[in-house]
Amino acid sequence: MIEAKKYQCFKCNKIEAWNENWSWYGSWQEMDEGKEVITFCRQACQITFTEKEKIEHISKEDLLIEQEIEDYEAVLGEAQIQISDARKQIARLKKKLSMERLKTTI
């Protein structure tokens, strides 16, 4: 028998399988991407979820996104350097080829 996934309440730390009393805070995108969403085992726990905690959750996600952007920008920067180097090599080789052709026509 497959055991149901267990969830932990953000407020009281109760751990159990999802049921009709449970709720969550987050976005469908976070859920689809397997990111952490905040879960509550009952309405009383959800009611005590403060604006400060919501902001901290959003800020945590924002930091992760900002880090991912920085990582991609670094990769892009490295790629741009490689492209620049490749263009210089192509120009050097074309110049060398032109010189070789000049030698053969003289």
C-alpha atoms as a PDB file:
ATOM      1  CA  MET A   1       0.000   0.000   0.000  1.00  0.00           C
ATOM      2  CA  ILE A   2       1.291   3.467  -0.907  1.00  0.00           C
ATOM      3  CA  GLU A   3       1.517   5.808   2.042  1.00  0.00           C
ATOM      4  CA  ALA A   4       0.062   9.299   1.581  1.00  0.00           C
ATOM      5  CA  LYS A   5       2.484  12.200   1.529  1.00  0.00           C
ATOM      6  CA  LYS A   6       2.816  13.891   4.917  1.00  0.00           C
ATOM      7  CA  TYR A   7       2.701  17.657   5.381  1.00  0.00           C
ATOM      8  CA  GLN A   8       3.926  19.794   8.251  1.00  0.00           C
ATOM      9  CA  CYS A   9       1.877  22.684   9.583  1.00  0.00           C
ATOM     10  CA  PHE A  10       3.781  25.964   9.416  1.00  0.00           C
ATOM     11  CA  LYS A  11       2.353  27.125  12.745  1.00  0.00           C
ATOM     12  CA  CYS A  12       1.974  24.145  15.088  1.00  0.00           C
ATOM     13  CA  ASN A  13       4.364  21.706  13.305  1.00  0.00           C
ATOM     14  CA  LYS A  14       1.739  18.946  13.219  1.00  0.00           C
ATOM     15  CA  ILE A  15       2.612  16.339  10.599  1.00  0.00           C
ATOM     16  CA  GLU A  16      -0.049  14.289   8.829  1.00  0.00           C
ATOM     17  CA  ALA A  17      -1.544  13.410   5.472  1.00  0.00           C
ATOM     18  CA  TRP A  18      -3.521  16.115   3.671  1.00  0.00           C
ATOM     19  CA  ASN A  19      -7.234  16.225   4.467  1.00  0.00           C
ATOM     20  CA  GLU A  20     -10.157  18.639   4.124  1.00  0.00           C
ATOM     21  CA  ASN A  21      -8.959  20.736   7.095  1.00  0.00           C
ATOM     22  CA  TRP A  22      -5.620  21.565   5.512  1.00  0.00           C
ATOM     23  CA  SER A  23      -4.863  24.702   3.481  1.00  0.00           C
ATOM     24  CA  TRP A  24      -1.772  26.214   1.955  1.00  0.00           C
ATOM     25  CA  TYR A  25      -0.202  29.579   1.129  1.00  0.00           C
ATOM     26  CA  GLY A  26       1.816  30.017  -2.028  1.00  0.00           C
ATOM     27  CA  SER A  27       1.258  29.952  -5.752  1.00  0.00           C
ATOM     28  CA  TRP A  28       0.346  27.201  -8.175  1.00  0.00           C
ATOM     29  CA  GLN A  29       3.641  27.889  -9.941  1.00  0.00           C
ATOM     30  CA  GLU A  30       5.580  27.244  -6.729  1.00  0.00           C
ATOM     31  CA  MET A  31       3.613  24.050  -6.227  1.00  0.00           C
ATOM     32  CA  ASP A  32       4.206  22.903  -9.831  1.00  0.00           C
ATOM     33  CA  GLU A  33       7.933  23.630  -9.542  1.00  0.00           C
ATOM     34  CA  GLY A  34       8.165  21.603  -6.322  1.00  0.00           C
ATOM     35  CA  LYS A  35       9.058  24.651  -4.271  1.00  0.00           C
ATOM     36  CA  GLU A  36       8.133  24.919  -0.639  1.00  0.00           C
ATOM     37  CA  VAL A  37       4.634  26.178   0.024  1.00  0.00           C
ATOM     38  CA  ILE A  38       3.379  26.958   3.488  1.00  0.00           C
ATOM     39  CA  THR A  39       0.797  24.507   4.811  1.00  0.00           C
ATOM     40  CA  PHE A  40      -1.672  24.778   7.693  1.00  0.00           C
ATOM     41  CA  CYS A  41      -3.426  21.867   9.384  1.00  0.00           C
ATOM     42  CA  ARG A  42      -6.464  23.878  10.459  1.00  0.00           C
ATOM     43  CA  GLN A  43      -8.072  27.283  10.119  1.00  0.00           C
ATOM     44  CA  ALA A  44      -6.818  28.426  13.538  1.00  0.00           C
ATOM     45  CA  CYS A  45      -3.217  27.994  12.366  1.00  0.00           C
ATOM     46  CA  GLN A  46      -3.894  29.805   9.105  1.00  0.00           C
ATOM     47  CA  ILE A  47      -5.531  32.760  10.856  1.00  0.00           C
ATOM     48  CA  THR A  48      -2.378  33.355  12.906  1.00  0.00           C
ATOM     49  CA  PHE A  49      -0.225  33.522   9.764  1.00  0.00           C
ATOM     50  CA  THR A  50       0.962  37.129   9.930  1.00  0.00           C
ATOM     51  CA  GLU A  51       1.664  39.638   7.184  1.00  0.00           C
ATOM     52  CA  LYS A  52       5.311  39.647   8.305  1.00  0.00           C
ATOM     53  CA  GLU A  53       5.522  35.888   7.725  1.00  0.00           C
ATOM     54  CA  LYS A  54       3.924  36.276   4.284  1.00  0.00           C
ATOM     55  CA  ILE A  55       6.492  38.932   3.372  1.00  0.00           C
ATOM     56  CA  GLU A  56       9.337  36.736   4.652  1.00  0.00           C
ATOM     57  CA  HIS A  57       8.052  33.837   2.518  1.00  0.00           C
ATOM     58  CA  ILE A  58       7.809  36.043  -0.566  1.00  0.00           C
ATOM     59  CA  SER A  59      11.220  37.577   0.176  1.00  0.00           C
ATOM     60  CA  LYS A  60      12.757  34.092   0.398  1.00  0.00           C
ATOM     61  CA  GLU A  61      11.321  33.208  -3.007  1.00  0.00           C
ATOM     62  CA  ASP A  62      12.489  36.549  -4.427  1.00  0.00           C
ATOM     63  CA  LEU A  63      16.021  35.881  -3.176  1.00  0.00           C
ATOM     64  CA  LEU A  64      16.051  32.470  -4.841  1.00  0.00           C
ATOM     65  CA  ILE A  65      14.845  33.998  -8.108  1.00  0.00           C
ATOM     66  CA  GLU A  66      17.401  36.817  -7.893  1.00  0.00           C
ATOM     67  CA  GLN A  67      20.183  34.268  -7.314  1.00  0.00           C
ATOM     68  CA  GLU A  68      19.041  32.269 -10.327  1.00  0.00           C
ATOM     69  CA  ILE A  69      19.057  35.443 -12.442  1.00  0.00           C
ATOM     70  CA  GLU A  70      22.601  36.241 -11.283  1.00  0.00           C
ATOM     71  CA  ASP A  71      23.707  32.709 -12.165  1.00  0.00           C
ATOM     72  CA  TYR A  72      22.301  33.022 -15.693  1.00  0.00           C
ATOM     73  CA  GLU A  73      23.828  36.488 -16.095  1.00  0.00           C
ATOM     74  CA  ALA A  74      27.217  35.038 -15.164  1.00  0.00           C
ATOM     75  CA  VAL A  75      26.798  32.253 -17.734  1.00  0.00           C
ATOM     76  CA  LEU A  76      25.745  34.829 -20.324  1.00  0.00           C
ATOM     77  CA  GLY A  77      28.784  36.989 -19.506  1.00  0.00           C
ATOM     78  CA  GLU A  78      31.105  34.000 -19.968  1.00  0.00           C
ATOM     79  CA  ALA A  79      29.412  33.146 -23.254  1.00  0.00           C
ATOM     80  CA  GLN A  80      29.807  36.727 -24.489  1.00  0.00           C
ATOM     81  CA  ILE A  81      33.537  36.581 -23.709  1.00  0.00           C
ATOM     82  CA  GLN A  82      33.823  33.303 -25.615  1.00  0.00           C
ATOM     83  CA  ILE A  83      31.933  34.798 -28.569  1.00  0.00           C
ATOM     84  CA  SER A  84      34.234  37.820 -28.564  1.00  0.00           C
ATOM     85  CA  ASP A  85      37.312  35.580 -28.454  1.00  0.00           C
ATOM     86  CA  ALA A  86      35.916  33.421 -31.265  1.00  0.00           C
ATOM     87  CA  ARG A  87      35.302  36.505 -33.428  1.00  0.00           C
ATOM     88  CA  LYS A  88      38.891  37.646 -32.862  1.00  0.00           C
ATOM     89  CA  GLN A  89      40.187  34.210 -33.851  1.00  0.00           C
ATOM     90  CA  ILE A  90      38.027  34.196 -36.985  1.00  0.00           C
ATOM     91  CA  ALA A  91      39.309  37.656 -37.958  1.00  0.00           C
ATOM     92  CA  ARG A  92      42.906  36.531 -37.341  1.00  0.00           C
ATOM     93  CA  LEU A  93      42.436  33.408 -39.449  1.00  0.00           C
ATOM     94  CA  LYS A  94      40.763  35.328 -42.293  1.00  0.00           C
ATOM     95  CA  LYS A  95      43.652  37.782 -42.292  1.00  0.00           C
ATOM     96  CA  LYS A  96      46.136  34.901 -42.345  1.00  0.00           C
ATOM     97  CA  LEU A  97      44.233  33.282 -45.214  1.00  0.00           C
ATOM     98  CA  SER A  98      44.256  36.549 -47.177  1.00  0.00           C
ATOM     99  CA  MET A  99      48.008  36.865 -46.660  1.00  0.00           C
ATOM    100  CA  GLU A 100      48.553  33.284 -47.870  1.00  0.00           C
ATOM    101  CA  ARG A 101      46.487  33.966 -50.978  1.00  0.00           C
ATOM    102  CA  LEU A 102      48.465  37.151 -51.660  1.00  0.00           C
ATOM    103  CA  LYS A 103      51.707  35.173 -51.478  1.00  0.00           C
ATOM    104  CA  THR A 104      50.496  32.690 -54.051  1.00  0.00           C
ATOM    105  CA  THR A 105      49.454  35.392 -56.524  1.00  0.00           C
ATOM    106  CA  ILE A 106      52.744  37.281 -56.388  1.00  0.00           C
END
